[in-house]
Amino acid sequence: MNWRDDAATEKQLNYLQRLGIVPDHALTKGEASDLITRAEPTKFALEFEEEERNQAYHLHIACAEAKSLLAKAEKGEIRDAKSDVRDEQRQRLEFWNWAFRPPDGSEMYQQPIKLYLEQGYRFKQPSTKHLQDVLDALDADSATWDRETPEYLFQTLEHNFPELLRRNPDLKMLAEYRALYGQPAQTSQSSTNRATKASGCLSLLAFVFMIACAILFVFNR
């Protein structure tokens, strides 16, 4: 008897469930194996796409986990744990620095390019301290702000450090970058319409509260 005709194992069925597959009949080992082979590339592609789309959030989580491990580290582990925290913070700051620079192909992630074309172009390059202060403020207020509304960083930076705003951003160059990276061109009218729609969708009270908390946090440091 061929192994493919045997009943699917519990391990195969559990893995299929994790892949989001619910069979409508009792599977053989061969059928389960074929389903797993077809589904795995799709699953990994979706996971990669989600991580690329929310890289700011994943870097935030990595920093938080490194700090948590440092807090629990034994005496002989503290030095390495501190080094891990510094490495994670460096990568996170590097990510956000890219969000204020015109894309040049050196970026490791796609999200900062999108953030630059939407918001970052309006600013001069902030210092490491500017960025760290704003990140600390937003992190203290929400564990998921960079997944749900990463634009809060630009809004908080603008409120606290208005001198970083560019008076005359190069809109012609911006349009060329948007065309190159497939971003839709934005007009002042369309931007206004989007802002109006967004303000109707977001809770104004929650937004004002978050920004106020971030401003107070930065000035009280």
N, C-alpha and C. Protein backbone atom coordinates (compact mmCIF):
# COMPACT_ATOMS: atom_id res chain seq x y z
N MET A 1 0.84 -1.22 0.00
CA MET A 1 0.00 0.00 0.00
C MET A 1 0.87 1.26 0.00
N ASN A 2 0.53 2.22 -0.83
CA ASN A 2 1.29 3.45 -0.93
C ASN A 2 1.06 4.32 0.30
N TRP A 3 2.14 4.95 0.79
CA TRP A 3 2.01 5.80 1.99
C TRP A 3 1.04 6.94 1.78
N ARG A 4 0.89 7.38 0.55
CA ARG A 4 0.00 8.51 0.27
C ARG A 4 -1.46 8.16 0.53
N ASP A 5 -1.76 6.88 0.58
CA ASP A 5 -3.15 6.47 0.81
C ASP A 5 -3.50 6.34 2.28
N ASP A 6 -2.49 6.39 3.16
CA ASP A 6 -2.76 6.33 4.60
C ASP A 6 -3.49 7.59 5.05
N ALA A 7 -4.16 7.50 6.20
CA ALA A 7 -4.85 8.67 6.75
C ALA A 7 -3.85 9.75 7.14
N ALA A 8 -4.21 11.00 6.91
CA ALA A 8 -3.34 12.14 7.28
C ALA A 8 -3.03 12.09 8.77
N THR A 9 -1.80 12.45 9.12
CA THR A 9 -1.40 12.43 10.52
C THR A 9 -1.96 13.65 11.26
N GLU A 10 -1.97 13.55 12.57
CA GLU A 10 -2.45 14.67 13.39
C GLU A 10 -1.55 15.89 13.19
N LYS A 11 -0.24 15.64 13.03
CA LYS A 11 0.69 16.74 12.80
C LYS A 11 0.36 17.48 11.51
N GLN A 12 0.06 16.72 10.43
CA GLN A 12 -0.32 17.34 9.17
C GLN A 12 -1.60 18.17 9.31
N LEU A 13 -2.58 17.61 9.99
CA LEU A 13 -3.87 18.29 10.14
C LEU A 13 -3.72 19.57 10.98
N ASN A 14 -2.90 19.50 12.04
CA ASN A 14 -2.68 20.69 12.87
C ASN A 14 -1.98 21.79 12.06
N TYR A 15 -1.02 21.40 11.24
CA TYR A 15 -0.30 22.38 10.43
C TYR A 15 -1.22 23.02 9.39
N LEU A 16 -2.07 22.20 8.79
CA LEU A 16 -3.05 22.73 7.84
C LEU A 16 -3.96 23.75 8.51
N GLN A 17 -4.32 23.47 9.75
CA GLN A 17 -5.17 24.41 10.48
C GLN A 17 -4.46 25.73 10.71
N ARG A 18 -3.16 25.66 11.03
CA ARG A 18 -2.38 26.90 11.21
C ARG A 18 -2.26 27.67 9.90
N LEU A 19 -2.28 26.94 8.78
CA LEU A 19 -2.23 27.59 7.48
C LEU A 19 -3.58 28.16 7.06
N GLY A 20 -4.60 27.90 7.87
CA GLY A 20 -5.93 28.40 7.57
C GLY A 20 -6.74 27.51 6.65
N ILE A 21 -6.33 26.26 6.52
CA ILE A 21 -7.01 25.33 5.62
C ILE A 21 -7.90 24.40 6.44
N VAL A 22 -9.18 24.35 6.10
CA VAL A 22 -10.13 23.46 6.76
C VAL A 22 -10.67 22.49 5.71
N PRO A 23 -10.18 21.25 5.68
CA PRO A 23 -10.63 20.29 4.66
C PRO A 23 -12.09 19.92 4.84
N ASP A 24 -12.75 19.61 3.74
CA ASP A 24 -14.16 19.25 3.79
C ASP A 24 -14.38 17.74 3.78
N HIS A 25 -13.26 16.98 3.86
CA HIS A 25 -13.37 15.52 3.94
C HIS A 25 -12.13 14.98 4.61
N ALA A 26 -12.16 13.73 4.99
CA ALA A 26 -11.00 13.11 5.63
C ALA A 26 -9.87 12.98 4.62
N LEU A 27 -8.73 13.52 4.97
CA LEU A 27 -7.60 13.56 4.05
C LEU A 27 -6.69 12.35 4.19
N THR A 28 -6.06 12.02 3.09
CA THR A 28 -4.98 11.04 3.14
C THR A 28 -3.67 11.81 3.36
N LYS A 29 -2.61 11.06 3.65
CA LYS A 29 -1.30 11.70 3.83
C LYS A 29 -0.89 12.44 2.55
N GLY A 30 -1.16 11.83 1.42
CA GLY A 30 -0.77 12.45 0.15
C GLY A 30 -1.52 13.74 -0.11
N GLU A 31 -2.83 13.73 0.16
CA GLU A 31 -3.64 14.94 -0.05
C GLU A 31 -3.19 16.05 0.88
N ALA A 32 -2.93 15.71 2.15
CA ALA A 32 -2.48 16.70 3.12
C ALA A 32 -1.12 17.27 2.71
N SER A 33 -0.24 16.40 2.24
CA SER A 33 1.09 16.84 1.81
C SER A 33 0.98 17.81 0.63
N ASP A 34 0.11 17.49 -0.32
CA ASP A 34 -0.07 18.35 -1.49
C ASP A 34 -0.63 19.72 -1.09
N LEU A 35 -1.59 19.72 -0.17
CA LEU A 35 -2.18 20.99 0.29
C LEU A 35 -1.14 21.85 0.98
N ILE A 36 -0.31 21.24 1.80
CA ILE A 36 0.73 21.98 2.52
C ILE A 36 1.73 22.57 1.53
N THR A 37 2.13 21.77 0.53
CA THR A 37 3.10 22.24 -0.46
C THR A 37 2.57 23.46 -1.22
N ARG A 38 1.27 23.43 -1.56
CA ARG A 38 0.68 24.55 -2.30
C ARG A 38 0.47 25.77 -1.42
N ALA A 39 0.15 25.56 -0.15
CA ALA A 39 -0.23 26.67 0.73
C ALA A 39 0.96 27.39 1.33
N GLU A 40 2.07 26.69 1.57
CA GLU A 40 3.20 27.30 2.28
C GLU A 40 3.76 28.54 1.58
N PRO A 41 4.02 28.49 0.25
CA PRO A 41 4.54 29.71 -0.39
C PRO A 41 3.61 30.91 -0.24
N THR A 42 2.31 30.67 -0.32
CA THR A 42 1.33 31.75 -0.17
C THR A 42 1.39 32.32 1.25
N LYS A 43 1.47 31.43 2.23
CA LYS A 43 1.53 31.87 3.62
C LYS A 43 2.77 32.72 3.87
N PHE A 44 3.93 32.23 3.40
CA PHE A 44 5.16 32.98 3.61
C PHE A 44 5.15 34.31 2.86
N ALA A 45 4.55 34.32 1.67
CA ALA A 45 4.46 35.57 0.91
C ALA A 45 3.59 36.58 1.64
N LEU A 46 2.48 36.12 2.22
CA LEU A 46 1.60 37.02 2.96
C LEU A 46 2.28 37.55 4.21
N GLU A 47 3.03 36.67 4.89
CA GLU A 47 3.75 37.10 6.09
C GLU A 47 4.80 38.14 5.73
N PHE A 48 5.51 37.92 4.62
CA PHE A 48 6.53 38.86 4.19
C PHE A 48 5.91 40.20 3.82
N GLU A 49 4.79 40.14 3.12
CA GLU A 49 4.09 41.37 2.72
C GLU A 49 3.63 42.16 3.94
N GLU A 50 3.11 41.45 4.94
CA GLU A 50 2.64 42.13 6.16
C GLU A 50 3.80 42.77 6.90
N GLU A 51 4.94 42.06 6.97
CA GLU A 51 6.09 42.61 7.67
C GLU A 51 6.65 43.83 6.95
N GLU A 52 6.68 43.78 5.62
CA GLU A 52 7.15 44.93 4.85
C GLU A 52 6.22 46.13 5.06
N ARG A 53 4.92 45.87 5.09
CA ARG A 53 3.94 46.95 5.23
C ARG A 53 3.99 47.57 6.62
N ASN A 54 4.34 46.77 7.63
CA ASN A 54 4.33 47.25 9.01
C ASN A 54 5.71 47.16 9.65
N GLN A 55 6.76 47.46 8.87
CA GLN A 55 8.11 47.30 9.39
C GLN A 55 8.38 48.20 10.59
N ALA A 56 7.81 49.39 10.60
CA ALA A 56 8.00 50.30 11.74
C ALA A 56 7.52 49.63 13.02
N TYR A 57 6.39 48.97 12.95
CA TYR A 57 5.83 48.29 14.12
C TYR A 57 6.70 47.11 14.54
N HIS A 58 7.18 46.34 13.59
CA HIS A 58 8.00 45.17 13.93
C HIS A 58 9.32 45.60 14.58
N LEU A 59 9.90 46.71 14.13
CA LEU A 59 11.11 47.22 14.77
C LEU A 59 10.82 47.72 16.17
N HIS A 60 9.66 48.32 16.37
CA HIS A 60 9.21 48.75 17.70
C HIS A 60 9.12 47.55 18.64
N ILE A 61 8.49 46.48 18.18
CA ILE A 61 8.33 45.27 18.99
C ILE A 61 9.69 44.66 19.31
N ALA A 62 10.60 44.65 18.34
CA ALA A 62 11.93 44.09 18.57
C ALA A 62 12.67 44.87 19.66
N CYS A 63 12.52 46.19 19.66
CA CYS A 63 13.14 47.02 20.71
C CYS A 63 12.53 46.70 22.07
N ALA A 64 11.21 46.60 22.11
CA ALA A 64 10.53 46.32 23.37
C ALA A 64 10.94 44.96 23.92
N GLU A 65 11.07 43.96 23.05
CA GLU A 65 11.47 42.63 23.49
C GLU A 65 12.91 42.63 24.00
N ALA A 66 13.79 43.38 23.34
CA ALA A 66 15.19 43.47 23.79
C ALA A 66 15.27 44.12 25.16
N LYS A 67 14.46 45.16 25.37
CA LYS A 67 14.45 45.83 26.68
C LYS A 67 13.90 44.90 27.76
N SER A 68 12.90 44.12 27.40
CA SER A 68 12.32 43.17 28.35
C SER A 68 13.35 42.11 28.75
N LEU A 69 14.11 41.61 27.78
CA LEU A 69 15.15 40.62 28.08
C LEU A 69 16.26 41.23 28.94
N LEU A 70 16.58 42.51 28.70
CA LEU A 70 17.58 43.18 29.51
C LEU A 70 17.11 43.28 30.97
N ALA A 71 15.83 43.59 31.17
CA ALA A 71 15.30 43.71 32.52
C ALA A 71 15.34 42.38 33.27
N LYS A 72 15.30 41.26 32.53
CA LYS A 72 15.31 39.94 33.16
C LYS A 72 16.69 39.29 33.17
N ALA A 73 17.67 39.96 32.58
CA ALA A 73 18.99 39.35 32.41
C ALA A 73 19.69 39.11 33.74
N GLU A 74 20.39 37.99 33.81
CA GLU A 74 21.23 37.70 34.97
C GLU A 74 22.50 38.55 34.87
N LYS A 75 23.25 38.57 35.97
CA LYS A 75 24.43 39.43 36.04
C LYS A 75 25.38 39.22 34.87
N GLY A 76 25.62 37.96 34.52
CA GLY A 76 26.57 37.68 33.45
C GLY A 76 26.01 37.91 32.06
N GLU A 77 24.72 38.20 31.96
CA GLU A 77 24.07 38.39 30.66
C GLU A 77 23.80 39.85 30.33
N ILE A 78 24.01 40.73 31.30
CA ILE A 78 23.61 42.13 31.15
C ILE A 78 24.35 42.83 30.02
N ARG A 79 25.65 42.57 29.90
CA ARG A 79 26.43 43.26 28.87
C ARG A 79 25.90 42.94 27.48
N ASP A 80 25.67 41.65 27.21
CA ASP A 80 25.15 41.26 25.90
C ASP A 80 23.74 41.79 25.68
N ALA A 81 22.94 41.79 26.73
CA ALA A 81 21.56 42.27 26.62
C ALA A 81 21.53 43.77 26.30
N LYS A 82 22.43 44.53 26.92
CA LYS A 82 22.53 45.97 26.63
C LYS A 82 22.94 46.19 25.18
N SER A 83 23.86 45.37 24.70
CA SER A 83 24.30 45.48 23.30
C SER A 83 23.14 45.18 22.35
N ASP A 84 22.32 44.20 22.70
CA ASP A 84 21.16 43.87 21.86
C ASP A 84 20.17 45.03 21.81
N VAL A 85 19.96 45.69 22.95
CA VAL A 85 19.06 46.84 22.99
C VAL A 85 19.58 47.95 22.10
N ARG A 86 20.88 48.24 22.19
CA ARG A 86 21.47 49.29 21.35
C ARG A 86 21.33 48.96 19.86
N ASP A 87 21.54 47.69 19.52
CA ASP A 87 21.43 47.28 18.11
C ASP A 87 20.00 47.47 17.59
N GLU A 88 19.03 47.07 18.39
CA GLU A 88 17.63 47.20 17.97
C GLU A 88 17.24 48.67 17.86
N GLN A 89 17.69 49.49 18.80
CA GLN A 89 17.39 50.92 18.74
C GLN A 89 18.05 51.57 17.53
N ARG A 90 19.27 51.13 17.22
CA ARG A 90 19.98 51.69 16.06
C ARG A 90 19.22 51.37 14.77
N GLN A 91 18.75 50.13 14.64
CA GLN A 91 18.01 49.75 13.44
C GLN A 91 16.71 50.53 13.33
N ARG A 92 16.06 50.73 14.46
CA ARG A 92 14.79 51.47 14.44
C ARG A 92 15.02 52.93 14.05
N LEU A 93 16.04 53.56 14.61
CA LEU A 93 16.35 54.94 14.26
C LEU A 93 16.77 55.06 12.79
N GLU A 94 17.51 54.07 12.31
CA GLU A 94 17.93 54.07 10.91
C GLU A 94 16.69 54.02 10.00
N PHE A 95 15.73 53.18 10.36
CA PHE A 95 14.49 53.09 9.60
C PHE A 95 13.82 54.46 9.51
N TRP A 96 13.65 55.14 10.65
CA TRP A 96 12.95 56.42 10.65
C TRP A 96 13.77 57.52 10.00
N ASN A 97 15.10 57.43 10.07
CA ASN A 97 15.93 58.40 9.35
C ASN A 97 15.68 58.31 7.85
N TRP A 98 15.51 57.09 7.34
CA TRP A 98 15.22 56.93 5.91
C TRP A 98 13.92 57.61 5.53
N ALA A 99 12.98 57.72 6.44
CA ALA A 99 11.68 58.32 6.15
C ALA A 99 11.77 59.83 5.93
N PHE A 100 12.96 60.41 6.14
CA PHE A 100 13.15 61.86 5.93
C PHE A 100 14.16 62.14 4.81
N ARG A 101 14.56 61.09 4.09
CA ARG A 101 15.54 61.25 3.02
C ARG A 101 14.95 60.84 1.68
N PRO A 102 15.30 61.54 0.61
CA PRO A 102 14.87 61.08 -0.71
C PRO A 102 15.40 59.67 -0.96
N PRO A 103 14.59 58.79 -1.49
CA PRO A 103 15.05 57.41 -1.71
C PRO A 103 16.21 57.35 -2.69
N ASP A 104 17.22 56.54 -2.36
CA ASP A 104 18.39 56.42 -3.23
C ASP A 104 18.77 54.97 -3.52
N GLY A 105 17.89 54.04 -3.10
CA GLY A 105 18.17 52.63 -3.36
C GLY A 105 18.90 51.92 -2.25
N SER A 106 19.36 52.66 -1.22
CA SER A 106 20.09 52.02 -0.12
C SER A 106 19.15 51.56 0.99
N GLU A 107 17.86 51.87 0.87
CA GLU A 107 16.91 51.52 1.92
C GLU A 107 16.73 50.01 2.02
N MET A 108 16.69 49.50 3.23
CA MET A 108 16.48 48.07 3.44
C MET A 108 14.99 47.71 3.40
N TYR A 109 14.12 48.72 3.59
CA TYR A 109 12.69 48.48 3.67
C TYR A 109 11.95 49.39 2.69
N GLN A 110 10.73 48.99 2.34
CA GLN A 110 9.90 49.79 1.44
C GLN A 110 9.08 50.83 2.19
N GLN A 111 8.71 50.54 3.42
CA GLN A 111 7.81 51.45 4.14
C GLN A 111 8.38 52.86 4.31
N PRO A 112 9.67 53.04 4.65
CA PRO A 112 10.16 54.42 4.79
C PRO A 112 10.10 55.23 3.51
N ILE A 113 10.19 54.55 2.35
CA ILE A 113 10.04 55.27 1.08
C ILE A 113 8.63 55.83 0.99
N LYS A 114 7.66 54.99 1.30
CA LYS A 114 6.26 55.43 1.27
C LYS A 114 6.04 56.58 2.26
N LEU A 115 6.61 56.47 3.45
CA LEU A 115 6.44 57.52 4.46
C LEU A 115 7.10 58.82 4.02
N TYR A 116 8.26 58.72 3.37
CA TYR A 116 8.92 59.93 2.86
C TYR A 116 8.06 60.61 1.82
N LEU A 117 7.52 59.84 0.88
CA LEU A 117 6.73 60.42 -0.21
C LEU A 117 5.41 61.00 0.29
N GLU A 118 4.92 60.53 1.43
CA GLU A 118 3.66 61.04 1.97
C GLU A 118 3.86 62.17 2.97
N GLN A 119 4.91 62.07 3.82
CA GLN A 119 5.08 63.03 4.92
C GLN A 119 6.51 63.56 5.07
N GLY A 120 7.48 62.66 4.96
CA GLY A 120 8.85 63.02 5.31
C GLY A 120 9.46 64.13 4.48
N TYR A 121 9.02 64.27 3.23
CA TYR A 121 9.59 65.30 2.34
C TYR A 121 9.37 66.70 2.89
N ARG A 122 8.41 66.87 3.78
CA ARG A 122 8.09 68.21 4.32
C ARG A 122 9.09 68.67 5.37
N PHE A 123 9.99 67.77 5.80
CA PHE A 123 10.88 68.06 6.93
C PHE A 123 12.35 68.07 6.52
N LYS A 124 13.12 68.86 7.26
CA LYS A 124 14.57 68.72 7.23
C LYS A 124 14.91 67.45 8.04
N GLN A 125 16.14 66.97 7.88
CA GLN A 125 16.54 65.76 8.59
C GLN A 125 16.58 66.02 10.10
N PRO A 126 15.76 65.33 10.89
CA PRO A 126 15.80 65.53 12.34
C PRO A 126 17.03 64.88 12.95
N SER A 127 17.44 65.36 14.11
CA SER A 127 18.58 64.77 14.80
C SER A 127 18.15 63.45 15.45
N THR A 128 19.13 62.67 15.86
CA THR A 128 18.84 61.42 16.56
C THR A 128 18.05 61.70 17.83
N LYS A 129 18.39 62.77 18.53
CA LYS A 129 17.67 63.09 19.77
C LYS A 129 16.23 63.47 19.49
N HIS A 130 16.00 64.25 18.45
CA HIS A 130 14.63 64.60 18.06
C HIS A 130 13.80 63.32 17.85
N LEU A 131 14.35 62.42 17.05
CA LEU A 131 13.62 61.19 16.74
C LEU A 131 13.41 60.34 17.98
N GLN A 132 14.46 60.18 18.78
CA GLN A 132 14.33 59.32 19.96
C GLN A 132 13.33 59.89 20.95
N ASP A 133 13.33 61.20 21.13
CA ASP A 133 12.37 61.82 22.05
C ASP A 133 10.93 61.58 21.59
N VAL A 134 10.70 61.73 20.30
CA VAL A 134 9.34 61.53 19.77
C VAL A 134 8.95 60.06 19.84
N LEU A 135 9.86 59.16 19.50
CA LEU A 135 9.58 57.73 19.60
C LEU A 135 9.25 57.33 21.03
N ASP A 136 10.03 57.83 21.99
CA ASP A 136 9.77 57.52 23.40
C ASP A 136 8.40 58.02 23.82
N ALA A 137 8.04 59.21 23.36
CA ALA A 137 6.75 59.79 23.73
C ALA A 137 5.60 58.97 23.17
N LEU A 138 5.69 58.60 21.91
CA LEU A 138 4.61 57.84 21.28
C LEU A 138 4.54 56.42 21.82
N ASP A 139 5.71 55.81 22.09
CA ASP A 139 5.74 54.46 22.67
C ASP A 139 5.08 54.44 24.04
N ALA A 140 5.31 55.50 24.82
CA ALA A 140 4.73 55.56 26.16
C ALA A 140 3.21 55.66 26.11
N ASP A 141 2.70 56.20 25.02
CA ASP A 141 1.25 56.41 24.91
C ASP A 141 0.54 55.24 24.27
N SER A 142 1.22 54.51 23.38
CA SER A 142 0.56 53.41 22.67
C SER A 142 1.59 52.38 22.22
N ALA A 143 1.25 51.11 22.37
CA ALA A 143 2.14 50.03 21.94
C ALA A 143 1.99 49.71 20.46
N THR A 144 0.98 50.28 19.82
CA THR A 144 0.71 49.92 18.42
C THR A 144 0.56 51.13 17.51
N TRP A 145 1.00 52.31 17.96
CA TRP A 145 0.79 53.53 17.16
C TRP A 145 1.42 53.41 15.78
N ASP A 146 2.62 52.77 15.71
CA ASP A 146 3.32 52.71 14.42
C ASP A 146 2.76 51.66 13.49
N ARG A 147 1.87 50.83 13.97
CA ARG A 147 1.15 49.91 13.08
C ARG A 147 -0.13 50.56 12.58
N GLU A 148 -0.80 51.29 13.47
CA GLU A 148 -2.11 51.85 13.13
C GLU A 148 -2.01 53.23 12.46
N THR A 149 -1.16 54.09 13.00
CA THR A 149 -1.06 55.46 12.48
C THR A 149 0.38 55.97 12.57
N PRO A 150 1.29 55.45 11.71
CA PRO A 150 2.69 55.89 11.78
C PRO A 150 2.87 57.38 11.51
N GLU A 151 1.86 58.00 10.87
CA GLU A 151 1.97 59.44 10.61
C GLU A 151 1.99 60.27 11.89
N TYR A 152 1.62 59.66 13.04
CA TYR A 152 1.68 60.38 14.30
C TYR A 152 3.10 60.89 14.59
N LEU A 153 4.11 60.15 14.12
CA LEU A 153 5.49 60.61 14.36
C LEU A 153 5.72 61.96 13.71
N PHE A 154 5.26 62.14 12.47
CA PHE A 154 5.47 63.39 11.76
C PHE A 154 4.66 64.52 12.41
N GLN A 155 3.45 64.20 12.84
CA GLN A 155 2.60 65.21 13.48
C GLN A 155 3.20 65.66 14.82
N THR A 156 3.70 64.70 15.60
CA THR A 156 4.31 65.04 16.88
C THR A 156 5.60 65.83 16.67
N LEU A 157 6.38 65.43 15.68
CA LEU A 157 7.61 66.15 15.37
C LEU A 157 7.31 67.58 14.97
N GLU A 158 6.27 67.77 14.16
CA GLU A 158 5.90 69.11 13.72
C GLU A 158 5.45 69.98 14.89
N HIS A 159 4.70 69.41 15.83
CA HIS A 159 4.23 70.18 16.98
C HIS A 159 5.37 70.58 17.91
N ASN A 160 6.33 69.68 18.09
CA ASN A 160 7.42 69.94 19.03
C ASN A 160 8.59 70.69 18.42
N PHE A 161 8.84 70.45 17.13
CA PHE A 161 10.01 71.05 16.48
C PHE A 161 9.61 71.66 15.14
N PRO A 162 8.79 72.70 15.14
CA PRO A 162 8.32 73.29 13.88
C PRO A 162 9.44 73.84 13.01
N GLU A 163 10.59 74.11 13.63
CA GLU A 163 11.72 74.63 12.85
C GLU A 163 12.26 73.60 11.86
N LEU A 164 11.85 72.33 12.01
CA LEU A 164 12.29 71.30 11.09
C LEU A 164 11.50 71.26 9.79
N LEU A 165 10.38 71.98 9.73
CA LEU A 165 9.58 72.00 8.51
C LEU A 165 10.30 72.77 7.39
N ARG A 166 10.30 72.21 6.21
CA ARG A 166 10.88 72.90 5.06
C ARG A 166 9.92 73.99 4.58
N ARG A 167 10.44 75.14 4.30
CA ARG A 167 9.59 76.23 3.80
C ARG A 167 9.15 75.98 2.36
N ASN A 168 10.07 75.48 1.55
CA ASN A 168 9.76 75.27 0.13
C ASN A 168 10.27 73.91 -0.32
N PRO A 169 9.55 72.84 0.02
CA PRO A 169 9.99 71.52 -0.45
C PRO A 169 9.98 71.46 -1.97
N ASP A 170 10.88 70.67 -2.52
CA ASP A 170 11.01 70.55 -3.98
C ASP A 170 9.89 69.64 -4.49
N LEU A 171 8.76 70.24 -4.87
CA LEU A 171 7.60 69.45 -5.29
C LEU A 171 7.80 68.81 -6.66
N LYS A 172 8.61 69.44 -7.50
CA LYS A 172 8.89 68.85 -8.81
C LYS A 172 9.66 67.54 -8.65
N MET A 173 10.69 67.56 -7.80
CA MET A 173 11.47 66.36 -7.53
C MET A 173 10.60 65.31 -6.85
N LEU A 174 9.72 65.77 -5.94
CA LEU A 174 8.82 64.85 -5.25
C LEU A 174 7.92 64.12 -6.23
N ALA A 175 7.38 64.86 -7.22
CA ALA A 175 6.51 64.25 -8.23
C ALA A 175 7.27 63.19 -9.03
N GLU A 176 8.54 63.45 -9.30
CA GLU A 176 9.35 62.48 -10.04
C GLU A 176 9.56 61.21 -9.22
N TYR A 177 9.83 61.40 -7.91
CA TYR A 177 10.00 60.23 -7.04
C TYR A 177 8.70 59.44 -6.94
N ARG A 178 7.58 60.14 -6.83
CA ARG A 178 6.29 59.44 -6.72
C ARG A 178 5.99 58.66 -8.00
N ALA A 179 6.32 59.22 -9.12
CA ALA A 179 6.12 58.50 -10.38
C ALA A 179 7.03 57.28 -10.45
N LEU A 180 8.27 57.44 -9.98
CA LEU A 180 9.25 56.35 -10.03
C LEU A 180 8.83 55.19 -9.14
N TYR A 181 8.28 55.53 -7.96
CA TYR A 181 7.93 54.49 -6.99
C TYR A 181 6.44 54.15 -6.98
N GLY A 182 5.73 54.62 -7.98
CA GLY A 182 4.33 54.23 -8.11
C GLY A 182 3.39 54.85 -7.13
N GLN A 183 3.79 55.98 -6.54
CA GLN A 183 2.90 56.69 -5.62
C GLN A 183 2.04 57.66 -6.42
N PRO A 184 0.73 57.75 -6.14
CA PRO A 184 -0.11 58.69 -6.87
C PRO A 184 0.29 60.13 -6.59
N ALA A 185 0.22 60.96 -7.61
CA ALA A 185 0.50 62.38 -7.42
C ALA A 185 -0.55 62.99 -6.51
N GLN A 186 -0.13 63.95 -5.70
CA GLN A 186 -1.05 64.58 -4.76
C GLN A 186 -1.15 66.06 -5.07
N THR A 187 -2.37 66.56 -5.11
CA THR A 187 -2.60 67.99 -5.26
C THR A 187 -3.05 68.54 -3.93
N SER A 188 -3.00 69.83 -3.77
CA SER A 188 -3.44 70.43 -2.51
C SER A 188 -4.89 70.12 -2.25
N GLN A 189 -5.71 70.08 -3.33
CA GLN A 189 -7.13 69.82 -3.15
C GLN A 189 -7.37 68.38 -2.70
N SER A 190 -6.66 67.41 -3.38
CA SER A 190 -6.85 66.02 -3.00
C SER A 190 -6.34 65.76 -1.61
N SER A 191 -5.26 66.45 -1.23
CA SER A 191 -4.75 66.29 0.13
C SER A 191 -5.76 66.80 1.14
N THR A 192 -6.40 67.93 0.80
CA THR A 192 -7.41 68.47 1.69
C THR A 192 -8.59 67.53 1.83
N ASN A 193 -9.02 66.94 0.70
CA ASN A 193 -10.14 66.01 0.75
C ASN A 193 -9.82 64.79 1.58
N ARG A 194 -8.58 64.27 1.43
CA ARG A 194 -8.21 63.10 2.21
C ARG A 194 -8.15 63.43 3.68
N ALA A 195 -7.64 64.62 4.00
CA ALA A 195 -7.56 65.01 5.41
C ALA A 195 -8.95 65.14 6.01
N THR A 196 -9.89 65.69 5.22
CA THR A 196 -11.26 65.83 5.71
C THR A 196 -11.89 64.47 5.98
N LYS A 197 -11.68 63.52 5.03
CA LYS A 197 -12.23 62.19 5.21
C LYS A 197 -11.60 61.50 6.41
N ALA A 198 -10.28 61.66 6.56
CA ALA A 198 -9.60 61.00 7.67
C ALA A 198 -10.08 61.54 9.01
N SER A 199 -10.29 62.85 9.06
CA SER A 199 -10.73 63.43 10.33
C SER A 199 -12.12 62.93 10.69
N GLY A 200 -12.92 62.62 9.68
CA GLY A 200 -14.24 62.08 9.97
C GLY A 200 -14.19 60.64 10.44
N CYS A 201 -13.13 59.90 10.06
CA CYS A 201 -13.02 58.50 10.44
C CYS A 201 -12.35 58.31 11.80
N LEU A 202 -11.38 59.16 12.11
CA LEU A 202 -10.67 59.02 13.37
C LEU A 202 -11.44 59.68 14.50
N SER A 203 -11.18 59.20 15.68
CA SER A 203 -11.73 59.85 16.87
C SER A 203 -10.89 61.07 17.17
N LEU A 204 -11.48 62.26 17.05
CA LEU A 204 -10.73 63.49 17.26
C LEU A 204 -10.21 63.57 18.69
N LEU A 205 -11.00 63.15 19.63
CA LEU A 205 -10.59 63.21 21.03
C LEU A 205 -9.36 62.35 21.27
N ALA A 206 -9.37 61.13 20.73
CA ALA A 206 -8.23 60.23 20.92
C ALA A 206 -6.98 60.80 20.28
N PHE A 207 -7.16 61.39 19.10
CA PHE A 207 -6.02 61.97 18.39
C PHE A 207 -5.40 63.12 19.18
N VAL A 208 -6.23 64.04 19.63
CA VAL A 208 -5.73 65.20 20.38
C VAL A 208 -5.06 64.75 21.66
N PHE A 209 -5.65 63.76 22.32
CA PHE A 209 -5.09 63.27 23.57
C PHE A 209 -3.70 62.68 23.34
N MET A 210 -3.56 61.87 22.28
CA MET A 210 -2.27 61.25 22.01
C MET A 210 -1.20 62.29 21.71
N ILE A 211 -1.53 63.25 20.85
CA ILE A 211 -0.55 64.28 20.50
C ILE A 211 -0.18 65.12 21.72
N ALA A 212 -1.19 65.46 22.54
CA ALA A 212 -0.92 66.25 23.75
C ALA A 212 0.00 65.51 24.69
N CYS A 213 -0.25 64.20 24.86
CA CYS A 213 0.60 63.39 25.73
C CYS A 213 2.03 63.33 25.20
N ALA A 214 2.16 63.20 23.88
CA ALA A 214 3.48 63.13 23.28
C ALA A 214 4.24 64.44 23.47
N ILE A 215 3.53 65.58 23.28
CA ILE A 215 4.18 66.89 23.46
C ILE A 215 4.63 67.08 24.89
N LEU A 216 3.75 66.75 25.83
CA LEU A 216 4.11 66.90 27.25
C LEU A 216 5.28 66.00 27.61
N PHE A 217 5.29 64.78 27.07
CA PHE A 217 6.36 63.85 27.36
C PHE A 217 7.70 64.40 26.89
N VAL A 218 7.71 64.94 25.68
CA VAL A 218 8.96 65.46 25.12
C VAL A 218 9.46 66.65 25.94
N PHE A 219 8.57 67.58 26.29
CA PHE A 219 9.02 68.78 27.01
C PHE A 219 9.37 68.50 28.46
N ASN A 220 8.88 67.39 29.00
CA ASN A 220 9.18 67.05 30.41
C ASN A 220 10.41 66.18 30.55
N ARG A 221 11.02 65.80 29.41
CA ARG A 221 12.22 64.94 29.49
C ARG A 221 13.41 65.71 30.06
